């Protein structure tokens, strides 16, 4: 029997994504922007997908200044025809799609007894339906190729009833992403497509920074920190290693898994 350890490429080379093509939804800001930079720095060409053309173009320009092949794409992930056009655009540019990062999502706090039906529907459409439509369109390409990595952004709120804010709809939508990830992983594993997820904890993005400067943010922040063993917010850079790991060959034997990166919030 061959000695796989001795035959393997050096470990850092196995993290490289040279020759691979990635798309990142919600890539125009926050966590998605950090994911796009990480995948590009690891060697992948990156399609930056966002509903806002200016945001997608700005991040694509940031990547290009680093010498990374990048393409801005505008798409609403709740619309199947736009999602399919997103994948078609990537295929037209590069002829392949190796990595799909389904990160686009929204959040909201509502008291459940008064939450409008329209807000519930919007939450599920973006956070759950949108992830499915993207995974479905990406998998059609990847299954034909016999290989691919799909990475969904869930949340630590998929695992817990997060407090002190009321967010039953958000928690439910992200829990759905977890079970969808497991279900798609089981279905597509025999044909070479791995499906995993990342569950961030409270992470410092521009939107979070703006929020915690407001009175309600100043009220909530001490609760969040007190519940986090590391007693701090995460940075978007704390999530980059996970997305590169899941996108690379190093994680080829992993599917249906959720990586929680929350400063220890869920251990209590």
C-alpha atoms as a PDB file:
ATOM      1  CA  UNK A   1       0.000   0.000   0.000  1.00  0.00           C
ATOM      2  CA  UNK A   2       1.248   3.461  -0.930  1.00  0.00           C
ATOM      3  CA  UNK A   3       2.323   5.763   1.878  1.00  0.00           C
ATOM      4  CA  UNK A   4      -0.091   8.685   1.441  1.00  0.00           C
ATOM      5  CA  UNK A   5       1.746  10.816   3.973  1.00  0.00           C
ATOM      6  CA  UNK A   6       5.025  10.649   2.081  1.00  0.00           C
ATOM      7  CA  UNK A   7       3.338  11.051  -1.306  1.00  0.00           C
ATOM      8  CA  UNK A   8       1.285  14.109  -0.342  1.00  0.00           C
ATOM      9  CA  UNK A   9       2.236  17.606  -1.400  1.00  0.00           C
ATOM     10  CA  UNK A  10       3.596  19.828   1.386  1.00  0.00           C
ATOM     11  CA  UNK A  11       0.749  20.928   3.614  1.00  0.00           C
ATOM     12  CA  UNK A  12       0.860  24.644   2.780  1.00  0.00           C
ATOM     13  CA  UNK A  13       0.749  23.843  -0.940  1.00  0.00           C
ATOM     14  CA  UNK A  14      -2.425  21.851  -0.335  1.00  0.00           C
ATOM     15  CA  UNK A  15      -4.111  24.990   0.983  1.00  0.00           C
ATOM     16  CA  UNK A  16      -3.445  26.787  -2.307  1.00  0.00           C
ATOM     17  CA  UNK A  17      -6.349  27.463  -4.671  1.00  0.00           C
ATOM     18  CA  UNK A  18      -4.390  28.136  -7.854  1.00  0.00           C
ATOM     19  CA  UNK A  19      -6.421  27.389 -10.958  1.00  0.00           C
ATOM     20  CA  UNK A  20      -9.723  27.360  -9.055  1.00  0.00           C
ATOM     21  CA  UNK A  21     -12.686  29.664  -9.569  1.00  0.00           C
ATOM     22  CA  UNK A  22     -14.833  30.934  -6.719  1.00  0.00           C
ATOM     23  CA  UNK A  23     -17.954  33.003  -6.364  1.00  0.00           C
ATOM     24  CA  UNK A  24     -18.957  34.759  -3.153  1.00  0.00           C
ATOM     25  CA  UNK A  25     -22.481  36.088  -2.647  1.00  0.00           C
ATOM     26  CA  UNK A  26     -22.853  39.084  -0.401  1.00  0.00           C
ATOM     27  CA  UNK A  27     -19.264  39.756  -1.409  1.00  0.00           C
ATOM     28  CA  UNK A  28     -19.582  43.522  -1.511  1.00  0.00           C
ATOM     29  CA  UNK A  29     -19.122  44.074   2.206  1.00  0.00           C
ATOM     30  CA  UNK A  30     -18.429  42.574   5.610  1.00  0.00           C
ATOM     31  CA  UNK A  31     -17.775  38.864   5.916  1.00  0.00           C
ATOM     32  CA  UNK A  32     -18.326  38.222   2.206  1.00  0.00           C
ATOM     33  CA  UNK A  33     -15.691  40.802   1.294  1.00  0.00           C
ATOM     34  CA  UNK A  34     -13.228  39.103   3.675  1.00  0.00           C
ATOM     35  CA  UNK A  35     -14.017  35.715   2.115  1.00  0.00           C
ATOM     36  CA  UNK A  36     -13.420  37.097  -1.385  1.00  0.00           C
ATOM     37  CA  UNK A  37     -10.026  38.487  -0.377  1.00  0.00           C
ATOM     38  CA  UNK A  38      -9.010  35.243   1.345  1.00  0.00           C
ATOM     39  CA  UNK A  39      -9.911  33.023  -1.607  1.00  0.00           C
ATOM     40  CA  UNK A  40      -8.193  35.352  -4.040  1.00  0.00           C
ATOM     41  CA  UNK A  41      -5.038  35.597  -1.937  1.00  0.00           C
ATOM     42  CA  UNK A  42      -4.940  31.790  -1.845  1.00  0.00           C
ATOM     43  CA  UNK A  43      -4.873  31.711  -5.644  1.00  0.00           C
ATOM     44  CA  UNK A  44      -8.478  31.516  -6.857  1.00  0.00           C
ATOM     45  CA  UNK A  45     -10.140  33.745  -9.399  1.00  0.00           C
ATOM     46  CA  UNK A  46     -13.133  35.336  -7.672  1.00  0.00           C
ATOM     47  CA  UNK A  47     -16.561  36.499  -8.784  1.00  0.00           C
ATOM     48  CA  UNK A  48     -17.792  39.094  -6.275  1.00  0.00           C
ATOM     49  CA  UNK A  49     -21.584  38.877  -6.183  1.00  0.00           C
ATOM     50  CA  UNK A  50     -23.781  41.526  -4.598  1.00  0.00           C
ATOM     51  CA  UNK A  51     -27.132  43.220  -5.146  1.00  0.00           C
ATOM     52  CA  UNK A  52     -25.351  46.570  -5.182  1.00  0.00           C
ATOM     53  CA  UNK A  53     -23.290  46.960  -8.343  1.00  0.00           C
ATOM     54  CA  UNK A  54     -21.063  49.634  -6.801  1.00  0.00           C
ATOM     55  CA  UNK A  55     -20.163  47.373  -3.861  1.00  0.00           C
ATOM     56  CA  UNK A  56     -19.357  44.393  -6.094  1.00  0.00           C
ATOM     57  CA  UNK A  57     -17.247  46.583  -8.362  1.00  0.00           C
ATOM     58  CA  UNK A  58     -15.371  48.154  -5.451  1.00  0.00           C
ATOM     59  CA  UNK A  59     -14.373  44.802  -3.960  1.00  0.00           C
ATOM     60  CA  UNK A  60     -13.453  43.378  -7.368  1.00  0.00           C
ATOM     61  CA  UNK A  61     -11.201  46.412  -7.858  1.00  0.00           C
ATOM     62  CA  UNK A  62      -9.578  45.779  -4.468  1.00  0.00           C
ATOM     63  CA  UNK A  63      -8.786  42.221  -5.546  1.00  0.00           C
ATOM     64  CA  UNK A  64      -7.436  43.294  -8.909  1.00  0.00           C
ATOM     65  CA  UNK A  65      -5.055  45.709  -7.193  1.00  0.00           C
ATOM     66  CA  UNK A  66      -3.642  42.647  -5.422  1.00  0.00           C
ATOM     67  CA  UNK A  67      -3.139  40.912  -8.759  1.00  0.00           C
ATOM     68  CA  UNK A  68      -6.187  38.652  -8.300  1.00  0.00           C
ATOM     69  CA  UNK A  69      -8.503  37.877 -11.220  1.00  0.00           C
ATOM     70  CA  UNK A  70     -11.891  39.238 -10.208  1.00  0.00           C
ATOM     71  CA  UNK A  71     -15.320  39.788 -11.695  1.00  0.00           C
ATOM     72  CA  UNK A  72     -18.168  41.869 -10.227  1.00  0.00           C
ATOM     73  CA  UNK A  73     -21.599  40.292 -10.648  1.00  0.00           C
ATOM     74  CA  UNK A  74     -24.979  41.723  -9.668  1.00  0.00           C
ATOM     75  CA  UNK A  75     -27.603  39.213  -8.516  1.00  0.00           C
ATOM     76  CA  UNK A  76     -30.574  38.910  -6.177  1.00  0.00           C
ATOM     77  CA  UNK A  77     -30.170  35.468  -4.604  1.00  0.00           C
ATOM     78  CA  UNK A  78     -33.916  35.130  -4.059  1.00  0.00           C
ATOM     79  CA  UNK A  79     -34.528  35.105  -7.826  1.00  0.00           C
ATOM     80  CA  UNK A  80     -33.738  31.794  -9.507  1.00  0.00           C
ATOM     81  CA  UNK A  81     -33.213  33.359 -12.929  1.00  0.00           C
ATOM     82  CA  UNK A  82     -30.681  35.841 -11.528  1.00  0.00           C
ATOM     83  CA  UNK A  83     -28.865  33.099  -9.644  1.00  0.00           C
ATOM     84  CA  UNK A  84     -28.606  31.031 -12.800  1.00  0.00           C
ATOM     85  CA  UNK A  85     -27.358  34.068 -14.706  1.00  0.00           C
ATOM     86  CA  UNK A  86     -24.744  34.554 -11.960  1.00  0.00           C
ATOM     87  CA  UNK A  87     -23.372  31.055 -12.534  1.00  0.00           C
ATOM     88  CA  UNK A  88     -23.606  31.430 -16.312  1.00  0.00           C
ATOM     89  CA  UNK A  89     -21.592  34.647 -16.106  1.00  0.00           C
ATOM     90  CA  UNK A  90     -18.836  32.891 -14.169  1.00  0.00           C
ATOM     91  CA  UNK A  91     -18.807  29.991 -16.620  1.00  0.00           C
ATOM     92  CA  UNK A  92     -18.647  32.356 -19.575  1.00  0.00           C
ATOM     93  CA  UNK A  93     -15.655  34.162 -18.062  1.00  0.00           C
ATOM     94  CA  UNK A  94     -13.635  31.206 -16.763  1.00  0.00           C
ATOM     95  CA  UNK A  95     -15.270  28.019 -18.086  1.00  0.00           C
ATOM     96  CA  UNK A  96     -15.518  26.422 -14.647  1.00  0.00           C
ATOM     97  CA  UNK A  97     -16.745  26.950 -11.105  1.00  0.00           C
ATOM     98  CA  UNK A  98     -14.925  25.162  -8.303  1.00  0.00           C
ATOM     99  CA  UNK A  99     -16.000  27.017  -5.151  1.00  0.00           C
ATOM    100  CA  UNK A 100     -19.398  28.497  -4.261  1.00  0.00           C
ATOM    101  CA  UNK A 101     -19.596  30.586  -1.085  1.00  0.00           C
ATOM    102  CA  UNK A 102     -23.229  31.327  -0.297  1.00  0.00           C
ATOM    103  CA  UNK A 103     -22.877  34.157   2.162  1.00  0.00           C
ATOM    104  CA  UNK A 104     -25.632  36.665   1.325  1.00  0.00           C
ATOM    105  CA  UNK A 105     -28.003  37.137   4.236  1.00  0.00           C
ATOM    106  CA  UNK A 106     -29.982  39.575   6.330  1.00  0.00           C
ATOM    107  CA  UNK A 107     -30.687  39.943  10.036  1.00  0.00           C
ATOM    108  CA  UNK A 108     -33.493  41.454  12.047  1.00  0.00           C
ATOM    109  CA  UNK A 109     -34.899  41.595  15.546  1.00  0.00           C
ATOM    110  CA  UNK A 110     -38.636  41.183  16.056  1.00  0.00           C
ATOM    111  CA  UNK A 111     -40.898  40.258  18.928  1.00  0.00           C
ATOM    112  CA  UNK A 112     -42.461  37.068  17.637  1.00  0.00           C
ATOM    113  CA  UNK A 113     -46.008  37.944  18.649  1.00  0.00           C
ATOM    114  CA  UNK A 114     -45.956  41.117  16.542  1.00  0.00           C
ATOM    115  CA  UNK A 115     -43.574  40.194  13.721  1.00  0.00           C
ATOM    116  CA  UNK A 116     -45.161  41.023  10.336  1.00  0.00           C
ATOM    117  CA  UNK A 117     -45.614  38.070   8.005  1.00  0.00           C
ATOM    118  CA  UNK A 118     -43.786  39.974   5.269  1.00  0.00           C
ATOM    119  CA  UNK A 119     -40.669  40.248   7.443  1.00  0.00           C
ATOM    120  CA  UNK A 120     -40.732  36.505   8.141  1.00  0.00           C
ATOM    121  CA  UNK A 121     -41.051  35.782   4.424  1.00  0.00           C
ATOM    122  CA  UNK A 122     -38.183  38.140   3.586  1.00  0.00           C
ATOM    123  CA  UNK A 123     -35.902  36.522   6.160  1.00  0.00           C
ATOM    124  CA  UNK A 124     -36.596  33.039   4.827  1.00  0.00           C
ATOM    125  CA  UNK A 125     -36.311  34.135   1.202  1.00  0.00           C
ATOM    126  CA  UNK A 126     -32.826  35.607   1.570  1.00  0.00           C
ATOM    127  CA  UNK A 127     -31.279  33.432   4.278  1.00  0.00           C
ATOM    128  CA  UNK A 128     -32.742  30.033   3.371  1.00  0.00           C
ATOM    129  CA  UNK A 129     -34.239  30.017  -0.119  1.00  0.00           C
ATOM    130  CA  UNK A 130     -31.362  32.128  -1.431  1.00  0.00           C
ATOM    131  CA  UNK A 131     -28.763  29.700  -0.130  1.00  0.00           C
ATOM    132  CA  UNK A 132     -30.627  26.778  -1.689  1.00  0.00           C
ATOM    133  CA  UNK A 133     -31.007  28.455  -5.087  1.00  0.00           C
ATOM    134  CA  UNK A 134     -27.302  29.304  -5.159  1.00  0.00           C
ATOM    135  CA  UNK A 135     -26.221  25.816  -4.069  1.00  0.00           C
ATOM    136  CA  UNK A 136     -28.548  24.269  -6.641  1.00  0.00           C
ATOM    137  CA  UNK A 137     -27.183  26.348  -9.528  1.00  0.00           C
ATOM    138  CA  UNK A 138     -23.573  25.843  -8.430  1.00  0.00           C
ATOM    139  CA  UNK A 139     -24.037  22.102  -8.028  1.00  0.00           C
ATOM    140  CA  UNK A 140     -25.382  21.677 -11.555  1.00  0.00           C
ATOM    141  CA  UNK A 141     -21.949  22.771 -12.799  1.00  0.00           C
ATOM    142  CA  UNK A 142     -19.919  20.994 -10.127  1.00  0.00           C
ATOM    143  CA  UNK A 143     -21.734  17.665 -10.396  1.00  0.00           C
ATOM    144  CA  UNK A 144     -21.055  17.616 -14.122  1.00  0.00           C
ATOM    145  CA  UNK A 145     -17.368  18.204 -13.383  1.00  0.00           C
ATOM    146  CA  UNK A 146     -17.312  15.597 -10.600  1.00  0.00           C
ATOM    147  CA  UNK A 147     -15.825  17.990  -8.046  1.00  0.00           C
ATOM    148  CA  UNK A 148     -16.715  21.149  -6.171  1.00  0.00           C
ATOM    149  CA  UNK A 149     -16.851  22.910  -2.819  1.00  0.00           C
ATOM    150  CA  UNK A 150     -20.004  24.642  -1.582  1.00  0.00           C
ATOM    151  CA  UNK A 151     -19.660  26.702   1.597  1.00  0.00           C
ATOM    152  CA  UNK A 152     -22.726  28.219   3.234  1.00  0.00           C
ATOM    153  CA  UNK A 153     -22.678  30.969   5.841  1.00  0.00           C
ATOM    154  CA  UNK A 154     -24.862  29.951   8.777  1.00  0.00           C
ATOM    155  CA  UNK A 155     -24.499  31.470  12.269  1.00  0.00           C
ATOM    156  CA  UNK A 156     -23.925  30.520  15.866  1.00  0.00           C
ATOM    157  CA  UNK A 157     -27.590  31.538  16.163  1.00  0.00           C
ATOM    158  CA  UNK A 158     -28.416  28.370  14.237  1.00  0.00           C
ATOM    159  CA  UNK A 159     -27.320  26.440  17.326  1.00  0.00           C
ATOM    160  CA  UNK A 160     -28.790  28.566  20.124  1.00  0.00           C
ATOM    161  CA  UNK A 161     -31.733  30.809  20.973  1.00  0.00           C
ATOM    162  CA  UNK A 162     -29.548  33.893  20.984  1.00  0.00           C
ATOM    163  CA  UNK A 163     -30.227  36.553  23.609  1.00  0.00           C
ATOM    164  CA  UNK A 164     -30.969  39.231  24.728  1.00  0.00           C
ATOM    165  CA  UNK A 165     -32.465  40.313  21.393  1.00  0.00           C
ATOM    166  CA  UNK A 166     -35.550  38.570  19.988  1.00  0.00           C
ATOM    167  CA  UNK A 167     -34.705  36.971  16.649  1.00  0.00           C
ATOM    168  CA  UNK A 168     -36.673  33.762  16.266  1.00  0.00           C
ATOM    169  CA  UNK A 169     -36.974  34.177  12.493  1.00  0.00           C
ATOM    170  CA  UNK A 170     -33.247  34.728  12.003  1.00  0.00           C
ATOM    171  CA  UNK A 171     -32.356  31.794  14.267  1.00  0.00           C
ATOM    172  CA  UNK A 172     -34.794  29.572  12.385  1.00  0.00           C
ATOM    173  CA  UNK A 173     -33.507  30.592   8.958  1.00  0.00           C
ATOM    174  CA  UNK A 174     -29.907  29.872   9.933  1.00  0.00           C
ATOM    175  CA  UNK A 175     -30.829  26.540  11.555  1.00  0.00           C
ATOM    176  CA  UNK A 176     -32.405  25.690   8.220  1.00  0.00           C
ATOM    177  CA  UNK A 177     -29.099  26.453   6.510  1.00  0.00           C
ATOM    178  CA  UNK A 178     -27.380  23.911   8.776  1.00  0.00           C
ATOM    179  CA  UNK A 179     -29.798  21.117   7.982  1.00  0.00           C
ATOM    180  CA  UNK A 180     -29.836  22.015   4.299  1.00  0.00           C
ATOM    181  CA  UNK A 181     -26.045  21.837   4.309  1.00  0.00           C
ATOM    182  CA  UNK A 182     -26.115  18.349   5.833  1.00  0.00           C
ATOM    183  CA  UNK A 183     -28.854  17.180   3.456  1.00  0.00           C
ATOM    184  CA  UNK A 184     -27.116  18.452   0.323  1.00  0.00           C
ATOM    185  CA  UNK A 185     -23.806  17.039   1.562  1.00  0.00           C
ATOM    186  CA  UNK A 186     -25.322  13.575   1.870  1.00  0.00           C
ATOM    187  CA  UNK A 187     -27.002  13.815  -1.522  1.00  0.00           C
ATOM    188  CA  UNK A 188     -24.034  15.082  -3.506  1.00  0.00           C
ATOM    189  CA  UNK A 189     -21.066  13.427  -1.752  1.00  0.00           C
ATOM    190  CA  UNK A 190     -21.116  10.343  -4.006  1.00  0.00           C
ATOM    191  CA  UNK A 191     -20.672  12.642  -7.013  1.00  0.00           C
ATOM    192  CA  UNK A 192     -17.733  14.628  -5.679  1.00  0.00           C
ATOM    193  CA  UNK A 193     -19.353  17.795  -4.333  1.00  0.00           C
ATOM    194  CA  UNK A 194     -18.659  18.699  -0.706  1.00  0.00           C
ATOM    195  CA  UNK A 195     -21.066  20.980   1.171  1.00  0.00           C
ATOM    196  CA  UNK A 196     -20.065  22.573   4.485  1.00  0.00           C
ATOM    197  CA  UNK A 197     -20.916  25.684   6.465  1.00  0.00           C
ATOM    198  CA  UNK A 198     -19.330  28.341   8.649  1.00  0.00           C
ATOM    199  CA  UNK A 199     -21.144  29.728  11.697  1.00  0.00           C
ATOM    200  CA  UNK A 200     -19.713  33.076  12.798  1.00  0.00           C
ATOM    201  CA  UNK A 201     -20.328  34.572  16.191  1.00  0.00           C
ATOM    202  CA  UNK A 202     -20.533  38.301  16.788  1.00  0.00           C
ATOM    203  CA  UNK A 203     -18.124  39.693  14.225  1.00  0.00           C
ATOM    204  CA  UNK A 204     -16.945  43.264  13.786  1.00  0.00           C
ATOM    205  CA  UNK A 205     -18.047  44.484  10.359  1.00  0.00           C
ATOM    206  CA  UNK A 206     -18.747  48.032   9.233  1.00  0.00           C
ATOM    207  CA  UNK A 207     -22.456  47.521   9.938  1.00  0.00           C
ATOM    208  CA  UNK A 208     -21.740  46.121  13.404  1.00  0.00           C
ATOM    209  CA  UNK A 209     -19.366  48.981  14.157  1.00  0.00           C
ATOM    210  CA  UNK A 210     -22.053  51.481  13.187  1.00  0.00           C
ATOM    211  CA  UNK A 211     -24.622  49.626  15.296  1.00  0.00           C
ATOM    212  CA  UNK A 212     -22.585  49.478  18.478  1.00  0.00           C
ATOM    213  CA  UNK A 213     -22.066  53.247  18.338  1.00  0.00           C
ATOM    214  CA  UNK A 214     -25.834  53.753  18.637  1.00  0.00           C
ATOM    215  CA  UNK A 215     -27.616  53.769  22.008  1.00  0.00           C
ATOM    216  CA  UNK A 216     -29.198  50.354  21.429  1.00  0.00           C
ATOM    217  CA  UNK A 217     -25.797  48.964  20.423  1.00  0.00           C
ATOM    218  CA  UNK A 218     -24.153  50.331  23.556  1.00  0.00           C
ATOM    219  CA  UNK A 219     -26.899  48.547  25.507  1.00  0.00           C
ATOM    220  CA  UNK A 220     -26.481  45.182  23.761  1.00  0.00           C
ATOM    221  CA  UNK A 221     -22.679  44.996  23.446  1.00  0.00           C
ATOM    222  CA  UNK A 222     -21.959  44.276  27.155  1.00  0.00           C
ATOM    223  CA  UNK A 223     -24.404  41.341  27.042  1.00  0.00           C
ATOM    224  CA  UNK A 224     -22.694  39.913  23.955  1.00  0.00           C
ATOM    225  CA  UNK A 225     -19.231  40.235  25.445  1.00  0.00           C
ATOM    226  CA  UNK A 226     -20.290  38.772  28.807  1.00  0.00           C
ATOM    227  CA  UNK A 227     -21.598  35.669  27.027  1.00  0.00           C
ATOM    228  CA  UNK A 228     -18.393  35.267  24.980  1.00  0.00           C
ATOM    229  CA  UNK A 229     -15.577  33.495  26.877  1.00  0.00           C
ATOM    230  CA  UNK A 230     -12.965  35.416  24.898  1.00  0.00           C
ATOM    231  CA  UNK A 231     -14.735  38.658  25.889  1.00  0.00           C
ATOM    232  CA  UNK A 232     -14.387  40.306  22.491  1.00  0.00           C
ATOM    233  CA  UNK A 233     -15.983  40.527  19.081  1.00  0.00           C
ATOM    234  CA  UNK A 234     -14.475  38.555  16.241  1.00  0.00           C
ATOM    235  CA  UNK A 235     -12.821  40.231  13.276  1.00  0.00           C
ATOM    236  CA  UNK A 236     -13.625  39.284   9.683  1.00  0.00           C
ATOM    237  CA  UNK A 237     -10.017  38.139   9.371  1.00  0.00           C
ATOM    238  CA  UNK A 238     -10.761  35.473  12.012  1.00  0.00           C
ATOM    239  CA  UNK A 239     -13.054  33.757   9.481  1.00  0.00           C
ATOM    240  CA  UNK A 240     -10.738  33.770   6.481  1.00  0.00           C
ATOM    241  CA  UNK A 241      -8.747  30.673   7.371  1.00  0.00           C
ATOM    242  CA  UNK A 242     -11.913  28.597   7.620  1.00  0.00           C
ATOM    243  CA  UNK A 243     -13.153  29.492   4.155  1.00  0.00           C
ATOM    244  CA  UNK A 244      -9.754  28.732   2.583  1.00  0.00           C
ATOM    245  CA  UNK A 245      -9.605  25.410   4.434  1.00  0.00           C
ATOM    246  CA  UNK A 246     -13.077  24.390   3.268  1.00  0.00           C
ATOM    247  CA  UNK A 247     -12.360  25.517  -0.284  1.00  0.00           C
ATOM    248  CA  UNK A 248      -9.038  23.688  -0.595  1.00  0.00           C
ATOM    249  CA  UNK A 249      -8.065  20.059  -1.114  1.00  0.00           C
ATOM    250  CA  UNK A 250      -7.046  19.845   2.545  1.00  0.00           C
ATOM    251  CA  UNK A 251     -10.742  19.432   3.442  1.00  0.00           C
ATOM    252  CA  UNK A 252     -11.620  16.925   0.693  1.00  0.00           C
ATOM    253  CA  UNK A 253     -12.703  14.333   3.298  1.00  0.00           C
ATOM    254  CA  UNK A 254     -15.013  16.781   5.078  1.00  0.00           C
ATOM    255  CA  UNK A 255     -18.649  17.264   4.129  1.00  0.00           C
ATOM    256  CA  UNK A 256     -21.829  18.111   5.994  1.00  0.00           C
ATOM    257  CA  UNK A 257     -19.844  19.891   8.704  1.00  0.00           C
ATOM    258  CA  UNK A 258     -20.421  23.255  10.390  1.00  0.00           C
ATOM    259  CA  UNK A 259     -17.432  25.243  11.654  1.00  0.00           C
ATOM    260  CA  UNK A 260     -18.433  27.464  14.600  1.00  0.00           C
ATOM    261  CA  UNK A 261     -16.130  30.480  15.002  1.00  0.00           C
ATOM    262  CA  UNK A 262     -17.622  32.432  17.889  1.00  0.00           C
ATOM    263  CA  UNK A 263     -14.992  33.123  20.544  1.00  0.00           C
ATOM    264  CA  UNK A 264     -16.477  30.292  22.594  1.00  0.00           C
ATOM    265  CA  UNK A 265     -20.001  31.711  22.789  1.00  0.00           C
ATOM    266  CA  UNK A 266     -21.693  28.336  22.234  1.00  0.00           C
ATOM    267  CA  UNK A 267     -19.683  26.426  24.826  1.00  0.00           C
ATOM    268  CA  UNK A 268     -21.791  27.751  27.707  1.00  0.00           C
END
